[in-house]
Amino acid sequence: MSDEQIEKSRILLVEDEENLAHGLEYNLTAEGYLVTLARDGKEAIKFFDENDFDLIVLDIMLPYFNGFEIAKHVREKHPQMPILMLTARTQVEDRVKGLELGADDYLTKPFHLKELLLRIKGMLKRKSWYQKVVIENPIYKFGNNEINFENLKCTKGKKEFQLTSYEAMIMKYLIESKDKVVTRKELLENVWNMNPDIETRTVDNFIVRLRKHFEDDPSDPKFIVSVRSAGYMFQV
């Protein structure tokens, strides 16, 4: 996806705080994005069901349906849709819950506009990269696991489950770097397009979740292993 294509991407902005909503809508439009603003959970689901979007910016605290409920609805219909959550909550539990329900990233209010714009651009670029690499090898099997990188559906033995888009991106990146150490910095820069000096726990949270998905014993991983003081390695 070229910069010109990114600028024309369609964004669903879900925010009920009026001043923030209009400020974000103005600035995103000024960047060239096509923005649809939803002011509550009902509007968000209605707009999502009736239109095609490239990315969702989603507040958690909303009337009717909250951001967690909306993220779950989006994931059931569109597993690869990038979701950036906005939250006034700082508790780790809330951020983890958002990630588990399918949010790909989050920003805690108040945040800097520049950081929001960088995150959005990075997420759209990652989406484009992922769509290209998946065409070549859509199915990957290891151990008793199978990942379908097109629809994000997976099996572990007889158990079926679905990855979020960022879980799939991390697995794809680790698999393509098989038997090589991948640092947190590398994942933050190449999967999240994020400053590697911040939010390193984001990587660790995702690795923990991937181990729960694919390892027989997540506390003693065989496939997604830690390399002390270096990062992670995928091995089969």
Foldseek 3Di string as FASTA:
>chain_A
DDLLVLLAFEEEEEAQPVVVQVVLVVVSVVSNYHYDYHNADVSSVVDPVVDDGQEYEAEADGPPHGRLRSLLVCCVPPQAHAYEYEYCDDDPVVVLSSVVSAHPYYDHPPDDPVQVVQQSSQSSVLSVVLVVVCVVPQWDDDDQKIARSVSQWMDRNPDIDGDHNLLSSVVVVQVVQAPDFDALCNCCCNSRVHHSVPDSVSVVSSLLVVLVVHAPDSVDRDAWDADPPGHTHGYD
